[in-house]
């Protein structure tokens, strides 16, 4: 099994961490969708990270869909079984993925679009959405996330920590830890776990 994509993508990183927690052996191929597009394109013409190539050569993409398949393969889940707890975990995943999406949009707007063509109202909108996602995620972490341990991690808590680290790396100073203390503290503890340190954002 091969996981294709760079660990500076939160989507790639959440899959790598889940693979380790599910005890599924894999090879990580850190191909960049920008710098190594031809090589990536040879594996997946859509050039979407993460891409997963299973042992039979089937090519999967989109982190949430990959995680769904991995759980079926492992015959166990990193999501709660009880419906109310599952709903809370899915909410945490949704908020964290929204934070990742808005971070990416802000980076692309600032770094890829010529300054003269940047649209201030759009930047204000997605920045407000980023803060709304982190505020709601901070409240969810304070309400439901346990003390970080490999045994207690779920897709929701993994994605929350990965999303916070990603925003701090890509947009330093934009989301102060003091404004989101539960999320920042939880992430610091999660990032110290071996399953996180094995796949550093880089």
N, C-alpha and C. Protein backbone atom coordinates (compact mmCIF):
# COMPACT_ATOMS: atom_id res chain seq x y z
N UNK A 1 0.85 -1.19 0.00
CA UNK A 1 0.00 0.00 0.00
C UNK A 1 0.88 1.24 0.00
N UNK A 2 0.52 2.23 -0.80
CA UNK A 2 1.32 3.45 -0.89
C UNK A 2 0.45 4.68 -0.59
N UNK A 3 0.98 5.56 0.23
CA UNK A 3 0.35 6.85 0.50
C UNK A 3 1.17 7.91 -0.22
N UNK A 4 0.52 8.61 -1.14
CA UNK A 4 1.20 9.59 -1.97
C UNK A 4 0.84 11.00 -1.51
N UNK A 5 1.86 11.82 -1.27
CA UNK A 5 1.63 13.21 -0.89
C UNK A 5 2.56 13.67 0.21
N UNK A 6 2.71 14.97 0.34
CA UNK A 6 3.60 15.56 1.32
C UNK A 6 2.91 15.69 2.67
N UNK A 7 3.70 15.56 3.73
CA UNK A 7 3.14 15.68 5.08
C UNK A 7 2.85 17.11 5.48
N UNK A 8 3.21 18.09 4.61
CA UNK A 8 2.77 19.45 4.91
C UNK A 8 1.30 19.63 4.54
N UNK A 9 0.69 18.62 3.95
CA UNK A 9 -0.75 18.61 3.74
C UNK A 9 -1.43 17.97 4.95
N UNK A 10 -2.37 18.66 5.59
CA UNK A 10 -3.05 18.06 6.73
C UNK A 10 -3.87 16.84 6.33
N UNK A 11 -4.29 16.79 5.09
CA UNK A 11 -5.09 15.67 4.60
C UNK A 11 -4.22 14.41 4.47
N UNK A 12 -3.01 14.58 3.98
CA UNK A 12 -2.07 13.46 3.92
C UNK A 12 -1.70 13.01 5.33
N UNK A 13 -1.44 13.98 6.19
CA UNK A 13 -0.95 13.67 7.53
C UNK A 13 -2.00 12.92 8.35
N UNK A 14 -3.28 13.31 8.24
CA UNK A 14 -4.32 12.61 9.02
C UNK A 14 -4.44 11.16 8.56
N UNK A 15 -4.23 10.90 7.27
CA UNK A 15 -4.29 9.53 6.76
C UNK A 15 -3.08 8.74 7.26
N UNK A 16 -1.90 9.33 7.24
CA UNK A 16 -0.70 8.63 7.71
C UNK A 16 -0.84 8.23 9.18
N UNK A 17 -1.34 9.13 10.00
CA UNK A 17 -1.51 8.85 11.43
C UNK A 17 -2.54 7.74 11.61
N UNK A 18 -3.63 7.79 10.86
CA UNK A 18 -4.66 6.75 10.96
C UNK A 18 -4.11 5.39 10.52
N UNK A 19 -3.32 5.37 9.45
CA UNK A 19 -2.71 4.12 9.00
C UNK A 19 -1.89 3.48 10.11
N UNK A 20 -1.11 4.29 10.81
CA UNK A 20 -0.29 3.77 11.91
C UNK A 20 -1.17 3.25 13.05
N UNK A 21 -2.21 4.00 13.39
CA UNK A 21 -3.10 3.58 14.49
C UNK A 21 -3.88 2.32 14.14
N UNK A 22 -4.17 2.14 12.86
CA UNK A 22 -4.90 0.95 12.41
C UNK A 22 -3.97 -0.22 12.12
N UNK A 23 -2.68 -0.04 12.37
CA UNK A 23 -1.68 -1.10 12.16
C UNK A 23 -1.67 -1.61 10.73
N UNK A 24 -1.81 -0.70 9.78
CA UNK A 24 -1.78 -1.07 8.37
C UNK A 24 -0.43 -0.64 7.79
N UNK A 25 0.39 -1.59 7.35
CA UNK A 25 1.70 -1.22 6.79
C UNK A 25 1.54 -0.48 5.46
N UNK A 26 2.40 0.50 5.25
CA UNK A 26 2.32 1.28 4.02
C UNK A 26 3.67 1.92 3.73
N UNK A 27 3.84 2.30 2.47
CA UNK A 27 5.00 3.07 2.04
C UNK A 27 4.54 4.50 1.79
N UNK A 28 5.24 5.46 2.37
CA UNK A 28 4.91 6.86 2.13
C UNK A 28 5.80 7.39 1.01
N UNK A 29 5.17 7.92 -0.04
CA UNK A 29 5.90 8.54 -1.14
C UNK A 29 5.61 10.04 -1.12
N UNK A 30 6.54 10.85 -0.63
CA UNK A 30 6.30 12.29 -0.45
C UNK A 30 6.44 13.08 -1.75
N UNK A 31 5.48 12.91 -2.63
CA UNK A 31 5.48 13.66 -3.88
C UNK A 31 4.70 14.96 -3.73
N UNK A 32 5.23 16.03 -4.27
CA UNK A 32 4.58 17.33 -4.22
C UNK A 32 3.66 17.51 -5.43
N UNK A 33 2.46 18.03 -5.18
CA UNK A 33 1.53 18.29 -6.29
C UNK A 33 2.01 19.45 -7.15
N UNK A 34 2.94 20.26 -6.64
CA UNK A 34 3.48 21.38 -7.39
C UNK A 34 4.83 21.03 -8.02
N UNK A 35 5.81 20.67 -7.19
CA UNK A 35 7.17 20.48 -7.67
C UNK A 35 7.37 19.17 -8.44
N UNK A 36 6.53 18.18 -8.17
CA UNK A 36 6.69 16.87 -8.82
C UNK A 36 5.38 16.45 -9.50
N UNK A 37 4.74 17.40 -10.14
CA UNK A 37 3.45 17.12 -10.75
C UNK A 37 3.49 15.99 -11.77
N UNK A 38 4.48 15.92 -12.67
CA UNK A 38 4.48 14.82 -13.64
C UNK A 38 4.53 13.43 -12.98
N UNK A 39 5.37 13.28 -11.93
CA UNK A 39 5.44 12.00 -11.24
C UNK A 39 4.13 11.67 -10.54
N UNK A 40 3.52 12.69 -9.94
CA UNK A 40 2.23 12.50 -9.26
C UNK A 40 1.16 12.14 -10.30
N UNK A 41 1.19 12.84 -11.40
CA UNK A 41 0.20 12.63 -12.46
C UNK A 41 0.26 11.22 -13.04
N UNK A 42 1.44 10.64 -13.02
CA UNK A 42 1.59 9.27 -13.52
C UNK A 42 0.88 8.26 -12.63
N UNK A 43 0.72 8.61 -11.35
CA UNK A 43 0.02 7.74 -10.41
C UNK A 43 -1.46 8.06 -10.39
N UNK A 44 -1.78 9.35 -10.33
CA UNK A 44 -3.16 9.81 -10.27
C UNK A 44 -3.28 11.04 -11.18
N UNK A 45 -3.91 10.91 -12.35
CA UNK A 45 -4.00 12.03 -13.29
C UNK A 45 -4.68 13.27 -12.70
N UNK A 46 -5.48 13.10 -11.66
CA UNK A 46 -6.15 14.24 -11.02
C UNK A 46 -5.16 15.05 -10.18
N UNK A 47 -4.05 14.44 -9.77
CA UNK A 47 -3.01 15.07 -8.95
C UNK A 47 -3.62 15.64 -7.67
N UNK A 48 -4.22 14.76 -6.89
CA UNK A 48 -4.87 15.16 -5.64
C UNK A 48 -4.21 14.43 -4.48
N UNK A 49 -3.80 15.21 -3.48
CA UNK A 49 -3.20 14.63 -2.27
C UNK A 49 -4.20 14.70 -1.11
N UNK A 50 -4.30 13.59 -0.37
CA UNK A 50 -3.56 12.35 -0.54
C UNK A 50 -4.15 11.46 -1.63
N UNK A 51 -3.29 10.66 -2.19
CA UNK A 51 -3.70 9.55 -3.04
C UNK A 51 -3.21 8.28 -2.36
N UNK A 52 -4.05 7.26 -2.35
CA UNK A 52 -3.68 5.97 -1.78
C UNK A 52 -3.77 4.92 -2.88
N UNK A 53 -2.71 4.13 -3.02
CA UNK A 53 -2.70 3.02 -3.97
C UNK A 53 -2.73 1.73 -3.14
N UNK A 54 -3.81 0.96 -3.27
CA UNK A 54 -3.89 -0.25 -2.47
C UNK A 54 -3.05 -1.36 -3.07
N UNK A 55 -2.99 -2.49 -2.39
CA UNK A 55 -2.11 -3.57 -2.82
C UNK A 55 -2.52 -4.16 -4.17
N UNK A 56 -3.77 -3.94 -4.56
CA UNK A 56 -4.23 -4.41 -5.86
C UNK A 56 -4.08 -3.38 -6.96
N UNK A 57 -3.53 -2.22 -6.62
CA UNK A 57 -3.33 -1.17 -7.61
C UNK A 57 -4.47 -0.20 -7.75
N UNK A 58 -5.54 -0.35 -6.92
CA UNK A 58 -6.66 0.60 -6.97
C UNK A 58 -6.19 1.94 -6.42
N UNK A 59 -6.54 3.02 -7.12
CA UNK A 59 -6.12 4.36 -6.72
C UNK A 59 -7.30 5.10 -6.10
N UNK A 60 -7.13 5.48 -4.84
CA UNK A 60 -8.17 6.20 -4.10
C UNK A 60 -7.69 7.61 -3.80
N UNK A 61 -8.64 8.53 -3.63
CA UNK A 61 -8.29 9.90 -3.26
C UNK A 61 -9.37 10.48 -2.35
N UNK A 62 -9.07 11.62 -1.74
CA UNK A 62 -9.87 12.31 -0.74
C UNK A 62 -9.68 11.63 0.62
N UNK A 63 -9.15 12.38 1.56
CA UNK A 63 -8.76 11.79 2.84
C UNK A 63 -9.91 11.11 3.57
N UNK A 64 -11.09 11.70 3.56
CA UNK A 64 -12.22 11.10 4.28
C UNK A 64 -12.64 9.77 3.65
N UNK A 65 -12.61 9.71 2.31
CA UNK A 65 -12.97 8.47 1.63
C UNK A 65 -11.89 7.41 1.83
N UNK A 66 -10.64 7.83 1.82
CA UNK A 66 -9.56 6.89 2.09
C UNK A 66 -9.69 6.31 3.49
N UNK A 67 -9.98 7.16 4.47
CA UNK A 67 -10.12 6.69 5.85
C UNK A 67 -11.27 5.70 5.98
N UNK A 68 -12.33 5.94 5.26
CA UNK A 68 -13.46 5.00 5.27
C UNK A 68 -13.02 3.63 4.77
N UNK A 69 -12.24 3.61 3.67
CA UNK A 69 -11.77 2.34 3.13
C UNK A 69 -10.77 1.67 4.07
N UNK A 70 -9.90 2.45 4.68
CA UNK A 70 -8.90 1.88 5.58
C UNK A 70 -9.55 1.19 6.77
N UNK A 71 -10.61 1.76 7.28
CA UNK A 71 -11.31 1.14 8.41
C UNK A 71 -11.93 -0.19 7.99
N UNK A 72 -12.47 -0.24 6.78
CA UNK A 72 -13.02 -1.50 6.28
C UNK A 72 -11.91 -2.53 6.12
N UNK A 73 -10.77 -2.10 5.63
CA UNK A 73 -9.63 -3.00 5.46
C UNK A 73 -9.13 -3.52 6.81
N UNK A 74 -9.04 -2.63 7.79
CA UNK A 74 -8.53 -3.01 9.10
C UNK A 74 -9.56 -3.73 9.96
N UNK A 75 -10.83 -3.64 9.55
CA UNK A 75 -11.95 -4.21 10.31
C UNK A 75 -12.04 -3.65 11.72
N UNK A 76 -11.70 -2.39 11.84
CA UNK A 76 -11.94 -1.65 13.09
C UNK A 76 -11.99 -0.17 12.77
N UNK A 77 -12.52 0.60 13.71
CA UNK A 77 -12.80 2.00 13.43
C UNK A 77 -12.10 2.91 14.42
N UNK A 78 -11.78 4.11 13.96
CA UNK A 78 -11.27 5.16 14.83
C UNK A 78 -12.37 6.18 15.11
N UNK A 79 -13.62 5.76 14.94
CA UNK A 79 -14.78 6.60 15.25
C UNK A 79 -15.63 5.90 16.30
N UNK A 80 -16.30 6.67 17.16
CA UNK A 80 -17.16 6.05 18.17
C UNK A 80 -18.30 5.27 17.51
N UNK A 81 -18.75 4.22 18.16
CA UNK A 81 -19.84 3.42 17.62
C UNK A 81 -21.20 3.98 18.02
N UNK A 82 -21.26 4.59 19.19
CA UNK A 82 -22.55 5.10 19.69
C UNK A 82 -22.95 6.33 18.89
N UNK A 83 -24.21 6.41 18.40
CA UNK A 83 -24.61 7.47 17.47
C UNK A 83 -24.35 8.90 17.96
N UNK A 84 -24.67 9.19 19.22
CA UNK A 84 -24.47 10.56 19.70
C UNK A 84 -22.98 10.91 19.74
N UNK A 85 -22.16 9.97 20.19
CA UNK A 85 -20.72 10.22 20.23
C UNK A 85 -20.16 10.33 18.81
N UNK A 86 -20.69 9.52 17.89
CA UNK A 86 -20.24 9.60 16.50
C UNK A 86 -20.59 10.96 15.90
N UNK A 87 -21.79 11.45 16.20
CA UNK A 87 -22.18 12.76 15.68
C UNK A 87 -21.22 13.84 16.17
N UNK A 88 -20.82 13.77 17.43
CA UNK A 88 -19.89 14.77 17.97
C UNK A 88 -18.52 14.65 17.30
N UNK A 89 -18.07 13.42 17.06
CA UNK A 89 -16.79 13.23 16.41
C UNK A 89 -16.83 13.71 14.96
N UNK A 90 -17.93 13.45 14.28
CA UNK A 90 -18.07 13.92 12.90
C UNK A 90 -18.13 15.45 12.86
N UNK A 91 -18.76 16.06 13.86
CA UNK A 91 -18.77 17.53 13.93
C UNK A 91 -17.34 18.04 14.07
N UNK A 92 -16.56 17.39 14.94
CA UNK A 92 -15.17 17.83 15.13
C UNK A 92 -14.39 17.67 13.82
N UNK A 93 -14.59 16.56 13.12
CA UNK A 93 -13.92 16.37 11.84
C UNK A 93 -14.31 17.47 10.85
N UNK A 94 -15.59 17.77 10.77
CA UNK A 94 -16.06 18.78 9.84
C UNK A 94 -15.48 20.15 10.12
N UNK A 95 -15.43 20.53 11.39
CA UNK A 95 -14.87 21.82 11.76
C UNK A 95 -13.37 21.88 11.44
N UNK A 96 -12.66 20.80 11.75
CA UNK A 96 -11.23 20.77 11.49
C UNK A 96 -10.94 20.81 9.99
N UNK A 97 -11.72 20.09 9.22
CA UNK A 97 -11.51 20.11 7.77
C UNK A 97 -11.85 21.49 7.18
N UNK A 98 -12.86 22.15 7.76
CA UNK A 98 -13.18 23.51 7.33
C UNK A 98 -12.02 24.46 7.63
N UNK A 99 -11.40 24.30 8.80
CA UNK A 99 -10.24 25.14 9.15
C UNK A 99 -9.10 24.91 8.17
N UNK A 100 -8.88 23.65 7.79
CA UNK A 100 -7.84 23.34 6.81
C UNK A 100 -8.15 24.00 5.47
N UNK A 101 -9.39 23.88 5.05
CA UNK A 101 -9.81 24.43 3.76
C UNK A 101 -9.62 25.94 3.72
N UNK A 102 -10.03 26.62 4.79
CA UNK A 102 -9.91 28.08 4.81
C UNK A 102 -8.45 28.52 4.89
N UNK A 103 -7.63 27.76 5.60
CA UNK A 103 -6.20 28.06 5.63
C UNK A 103 -5.61 27.97 4.23
N UNK A 104 -5.94 26.90 3.51
CA UNK A 104 -5.45 26.73 2.14
C UNK A 104 -5.91 27.88 1.26
N UNK A 105 -7.19 28.26 1.37
CA UNK A 105 -7.71 29.35 0.54
C UNK A 105 -6.98 30.66 0.81
N UNK A 106 -6.69 30.94 2.07
CA UNK A 106 -5.98 32.18 2.41
C UNK A 106 -4.56 32.15 1.85
N UNK A 107 -3.88 31.02 2.00
CA UNK A 107 -2.52 30.88 1.48
C UNK A 107 -2.51 31.06 -0.03
N UNK A 108 -3.44 30.39 -0.72
CA UNK A 108 -3.48 30.51 -2.17
C UNK A 108 -3.79 31.94 -2.62
N UNK A 109 -4.70 32.59 -1.92
CA UNK A 109 -5.06 33.96 -2.28
C UNK A 109 -3.87 34.90 -2.12
N UNK A 110 -3.12 34.70 -1.04
CA UNK A 110 -1.99 35.59 -0.77
C UNK A 110 -0.74 35.25 -1.58
N UNK A 111 -0.53 33.96 -1.83
CA UNK A 111 0.74 33.53 -2.42
C UNK A 111 0.67 33.26 -3.92
N UNK A 112 -0.50 32.88 -4.42
CA UNK A 112 -0.59 32.50 -5.83
C UNK A 112 -1.27 33.56 -6.70
N UNK A 113 -2.10 34.39 -6.09
CA UNK A 113 -2.78 35.40 -6.88
C UNK A 113 -1.96 36.70 -6.89
N UNK A 114 -1.78 37.34 -8.03
CA UNK A 114 -1.07 38.63 -8.06
C UNK A 114 -1.72 39.64 -7.12
N UNK A 115 -0.90 40.44 -6.47
CA UNK A 115 -1.41 41.36 -5.45
C UNK A 115 -2.51 42.26 -6.00
N UNK A 116 -2.39 42.69 -7.23
CA UNK A 116 -3.38 43.60 -7.81
C UNK A 116 -4.74 42.93 -8.01
N UNK A 117 -4.74 41.60 -8.01
CA UNK A 117 -5.99 40.88 -8.26
C UNK A 117 -6.58 40.25 -7.00
N UNK A 118 -5.94 40.48 -5.87
CA UNK A 118 -6.50 39.96 -4.62
C UNK A 118 -7.76 40.72 -4.26
N UNK A 119 -8.74 39.99 -3.75
CA UNK A 119 -10.04 40.58 -3.46
C UNK A 119 -10.21 40.68 -1.95
N UNK A 120 -10.10 41.89 -1.40
CA UNK A 120 -10.13 42.08 0.06
C UNK A 120 -11.39 41.53 0.71
N UNK A 121 -12.59 41.75 0.16
CA UNK A 121 -13.79 41.18 0.79
C UNK A 121 -13.76 39.66 0.86
N UNK A 122 -13.19 39.01 -0.15
CA UNK A 122 -13.08 37.54 -0.13
C UNK A 122 -12.11 37.10 0.96
N UNK A 123 -10.96 37.79 1.08
CA UNK A 123 -10.01 37.46 2.14
C UNK A 123 -10.63 37.66 3.53
N UNK A 124 -11.38 38.72 3.69
CA UNK A 124 -12.04 38.97 4.98
C UNK A 124 -13.04 37.86 5.28
N UNK A 125 -13.76 37.43 4.27
CA UNK A 125 -14.76 36.38 4.45
C UNK A 125 -14.11 35.07 4.88
N UNK A 126 -13.09 34.62 4.15
CA UNK A 126 -12.50 33.32 4.48
C UNK A 126 -11.70 33.38 5.77
N UNK A 127 -11.15 34.55 6.10
CA UNK A 127 -10.47 34.70 7.38
C UNK A 127 -11.46 34.59 8.53
N UNK A 128 -12.63 35.21 8.37
CA UNK A 128 -13.68 35.10 9.39
C UNK A 128 -14.15 33.65 9.53
N UNK A 129 -14.24 32.95 8.40
CA UNK A 129 -14.64 31.54 8.45
C UNK A 129 -13.59 30.69 9.16
N UNK A 130 -12.31 31.00 8.93
CA UNK A 130 -11.24 30.28 9.61
C UNK A 130 -11.35 30.45 11.12
N UNK A 131 -11.56 31.69 11.56
CA UNK A 131 -11.67 31.94 13.00
C UNK A 131 -12.94 31.29 13.57
N UNK A 132 -14.02 31.30 12.82
CA UNK A 132 -15.26 30.66 13.29
C UNK A 132 -15.05 29.15 13.45
N UNK A 133 -14.34 28.55 12.50
CA UNK A 133 -14.06 27.11 12.59
C UNK A 133 -13.20 26.80 13.80
N UNK A 134 -12.17 27.61 14.03
CA UNK A 134 -11.30 27.35 15.18
C UNK A 134 -12.01 27.62 16.50
N UNK A 135 -12.87 28.61 16.55
CA UNK A 135 -13.60 28.90 17.78
C UNK A 135 -14.53 27.74 18.12
N UNK A 136 -15.25 27.24 17.13
CA UNK A 136 -16.15 26.12 17.37
C UNK A 136 -15.36 24.86 17.70
N UNK A 137 -14.23 24.68 17.05
CA UNK A 137 -13.38 23.51 17.31
C UNK A 137 -12.80 23.58 18.72
N UNK A 138 -12.40 24.76 19.15
CA UNK A 138 -11.90 24.95 20.51
C UNK A 138 -12.96 24.55 21.53
N UNK A 139 -14.20 24.95 21.28
CA UNK A 139 -15.30 24.59 22.20
C UNK A 139 -15.55 23.09 22.20
N UNK A 140 -15.47 22.46 21.02
CA UNK A 140 -15.68 21.01 20.94
C UNK A 140 -14.57 20.25 21.65
N UNK A 141 -13.33 20.69 21.47
CA UNK A 141 -12.22 20.03 22.14
C UNK A 141 -12.37 20.15 23.65
N UNK A 142 -12.75 21.33 24.12
CA UNK A 142 -12.95 21.53 25.55
C UNK A 142 -14.07 20.65 26.08
N UNK A 143 -15.07 20.39 25.24
CA UNK A 143 -16.25 19.63 25.68
C UNK A 143 -16.02 18.13 25.63
N UNK A 144 -15.30 17.64 24.62
CA UNK A 144 -15.31 16.20 24.42
C UNK A 144 -13.97 15.52 24.25
N UNK A 145 -12.92 16.24 23.92
CA UNK A 145 -11.65 15.54 23.65
C UNK A 145 -11.02 15.07 24.96
N UNK A 146 -10.66 13.78 25.04
CA UNK A 146 -9.99 13.28 26.24
C UNK A 146 -8.53 13.68 26.26
N UNK A 147 -7.86 13.35 27.35
CA UNK A 147 -6.41 13.55 27.40
C UNK A 147 -5.78 12.77 26.24
N UNK A 148 -4.96 13.39 25.42
CA UNK A 148 -4.43 12.69 24.26
C UNK A 148 -3.65 11.44 24.61
N UNK A 149 -4.02 10.34 23.98
CA UNK A 149 -3.28 9.09 24.05
C UNK A 149 -3.60 8.34 22.78
N UNK A 150 -2.70 7.46 22.36
CA UNK A 150 -2.93 6.73 21.11
C UNK A 150 -4.23 5.95 21.17
N UNK A 151 -4.56 5.39 22.33
CA UNK A 151 -5.76 4.57 22.46
C UNK A 151 -7.03 5.40 22.37
N UNK A 152 -6.96 6.68 22.72
CA UNK A 152 -8.17 7.51 22.77
C UNK A 152 -8.38 8.33 21.50
N UNK A 153 -7.41 8.33 20.59
CA UNK A 153 -7.54 9.17 19.40
C UNK A 153 -8.64 8.68 18.48
N UNK A 154 -9.38 9.63 17.93
CA UNK A 154 -10.41 9.37 16.94
C UNK A 154 -10.09 10.20 15.70
N UNK A 155 -10.82 9.97 14.63
CA UNK A 155 -10.61 10.81 13.45
C UNK A 155 -10.85 12.27 13.79
N UNK A 156 -11.82 12.54 14.65
CA UNK A 156 -12.10 13.92 15.03
C UNK A 156 -10.94 14.57 15.75
N UNK A 157 -10.40 13.89 16.76
CA UNK A 157 -9.32 14.48 17.54
C UNK A 157 -8.02 14.55 16.74
N UNK A 158 -7.77 13.54 15.90
CA UNK A 158 -6.59 13.58 15.03
C UNK A 158 -6.66 14.79 14.10
N UNK A 159 -7.80 14.95 13.46
CA UNK A 159 -7.94 16.03 12.48
C UNK A 159 -7.91 17.40 13.14
N UNK A 160 -8.45 17.50 14.35
CA UNK A 160 -8.40 18.77 15.08
C UNK A 160 -6.96 19.19 15.32
N UNK A 161 -6.13 18.26 15.81
CA UNK A 161 -4.74 18.58 16.10
C UNK A 161 -3.96 18.88 14.81
N UNK A 162 -4.18 18.08 13.79
CA UNK A 162 -3.49 18.28 12.51
C UNK A 162 -3.87 19.63 11.91
N UNK A 163 -5.14 19.99 12.00
CA UNK A 163 -5.61 21.26 11.44
C UNK A 163 -4.97 22.45 12.16
N UNK A 164 -4.93 22.40 13.49
CA UNK A 164 -4.35 23.51 14.25
C UNK A 164 -2.87 23.68 13.92
N UNK A 165 -2.14 22.58 13.88
CA UNK A 165 -0.72 22.64 13.54
C UNK A 165 -0.52 23.22 12.14
N UNK A 166 -1.37 22.82 11.21
CA UNK A 166 -1.28 23.29 9.82
C UNK A 166 -1.50 24.80 9.75
N UNK A 167 -2.51 25.31 10.42
CA UNK A 167 -2.78 26.74 10.40
C UNK A 167 -1.62 27.52 11.01
N UNK A 168 -1.10 27.02 12.14
CA UNK A 168 0.01 27.70 12.80
C UNK A 168 1.25 27.73 11.90
N UNK A 169 1.45 26.67 11.14
CA UNK A 169 2.61 26.60 10.25
C UNK A 169 2.46 27.50 9.03
N UNK A 170 1.28 27.48 8.43
CA UNK A 170 1.06 28.20 7.18
C UNK A 170 0.73 29.67 7.39
N UNK A 171 0.07 29.99 8.51
CA UNK A 171 -0.36 31.37 8.78
C UNK A 171 0.07 31.77 10.18
N UNK A 172 1.36 31.80 10.45
CA UNK A 172 1.82 32.09 11.82
C UNK A 172 1.32 33.44 12.32
N UNK A 173 0.82 33.41 13.55
CA UNK A 173 0.32 34.63 14.18
C UNK A 173 -1.12 34.96 13.85
N UNK A 174 -1.72 34.26 12.90
CA UNK A 174 -3.09 34.59 12.50
C UNK A 174 -4.13 34.11 13.51
N UNK A 175 -3.83 33.03 14.20
CA UNK A 175 -4.76 32.45 15.18
C UNK A 175 -4.00 32.23 16.49
N UNK A 176 -3.95 33.24 17.36
CA UNK A 176 -3.16 33.13 18.59
C UNK A 176 -3.66 32.00 19.49
N UNK A 177 -2.71 31.28 20.09
CA UNK A 177 -3.08 30.17 20.97
C UNK A 177 -3.93 30.65 22.15
N UNK A 178 -3.68 31.86 22.62
CA UNK A 178 -4.44 32.36 23.76
C UNK A 178 -5.92 32.51 23.44
N UNK A 179 -6.23 32.66 22.17
CA UNK A 179 -7.63 32.82 21.76
C UNK A 179 -8.34 31.47 21.69
N UNK A 180 -7.56 30.41 21.51
CA UNK A 180 -8.14 29.05 21.38
C UNK A 180 -7.36 28.10 22.30
N UNK A 181 -7.44 28.30 23.63
CA UNK A 181 -6.53 27.60 24.55
C UNK A 181 -6.75 26.10 24.61
N UNK A 182 -8.00 25.64 24.56
CA UNK A 182 -8.25 24.20 24.64
C UNK A 182 -7.67 23.49 23.43
N UNK A 183 -7.89 24.05 22.26
CA UNK A 183 -7.39 23.47 21.03
C UNK A 183 -5.87 23.48 20.99
N UNK A 184 -5.28 24.60 21.38
CA UNK A 184 -3.82 24.72 21.38
C UNK A 184 -3.18 23.74 22.35
N UNK A 185 -3.75 23.61 23.54
CA UNK A 185 -3.20 22.71 24.56
C UNK A 185 -3.35 21.25 24.13
N UNK A 186 -4.53 20.90 23.61
CA UNK A 186 -4.75 19.53 23.15
C UNK A 186 -3.76 19.17 22.04
N UNK A 187 -3.57 20.10 21.10
CA UNK A 187 -2.67 19.84 19.98
C UNK A 187 -1.23 19.66 20.46
N UNK A 188 -0.80 20.48 21.40
CA UNK A 188 0.57 20.36 21.91
C UNK A 188 0.80 18.98 22.50
N UNK A 189 -0.20 18.47 23.23
CA UNK A 189 -0.07 17.14 23.83
C UNK A 189 -0.13 16.04 22.76
N UNK A 190 -1.02 16.21 21.80
CA UNK A 190 -1.14 15.21 20.73
C UNK A 190 0.14 15.15 19.90
N UNK A 191 0.70 16.31 19.58
CA UNK A 191 1.90 16.36 18.75
C UNK A 191 3.11 15.71 19.43
N UNK A 192 3.04 15.52 20.75
CA UNK A 192 4.13 14.86 21.47
C UNK A 192 4.01 13.34 21.44
N UNK A 193 2.88 12.82 20.98
CA UNK A 193 2.68 11.37 20.92
C UNK A 193 3.53 10.78 19.79
N UNK A 194 4.06 9.57 19.99
CA UNK A 194 4.88 8.94 18.95
C UNK A 194 4.19 8.82 17.60
N UNK A 195 2.88 8.59 17.58
CA UNK A 195 2.18 8.43 16.31
C UNK A 195 2.12 9.74 15.54
N UNK A 196 2.21 10.87 16.23
CA UNK A 196 2.30 12.17 15.56
C UNK A 196 3.74 12.50 15.17
N UNK A 197 4.67 12.27 16.09
CA UNK A 197 6.06 12.61 15.80
C UNK A 197 6.63 11.75 14.67
N UNK A 198 6.02 10.58 14.43
CA UNK A 198 6.46 9.72 13.33
C UNK A 198 6.15 10.35 11.97
N UNK A 199 5.20 11.29 11.96
CA UNK A 199 4.78 11.92 10.70
C UNK A 199 4.73 13.43 10.88
N UNK A 200 5.89 14.06 11.04
CA UNK A 200 5.92 15.51 11.30
C UNK A 200 5.51 16.31 10.08
N UNK A 201 4.90 17.44 10.35
CA UNK A 201 4.58 18.37 9.27
C UNK A 201 5.88 18.90 8.72
N UNK A 202 6.17 18.61 7.46
CA UNK A 202 7.45 19.03 6.88
C UNK A 202 7.34 18.97 5.37
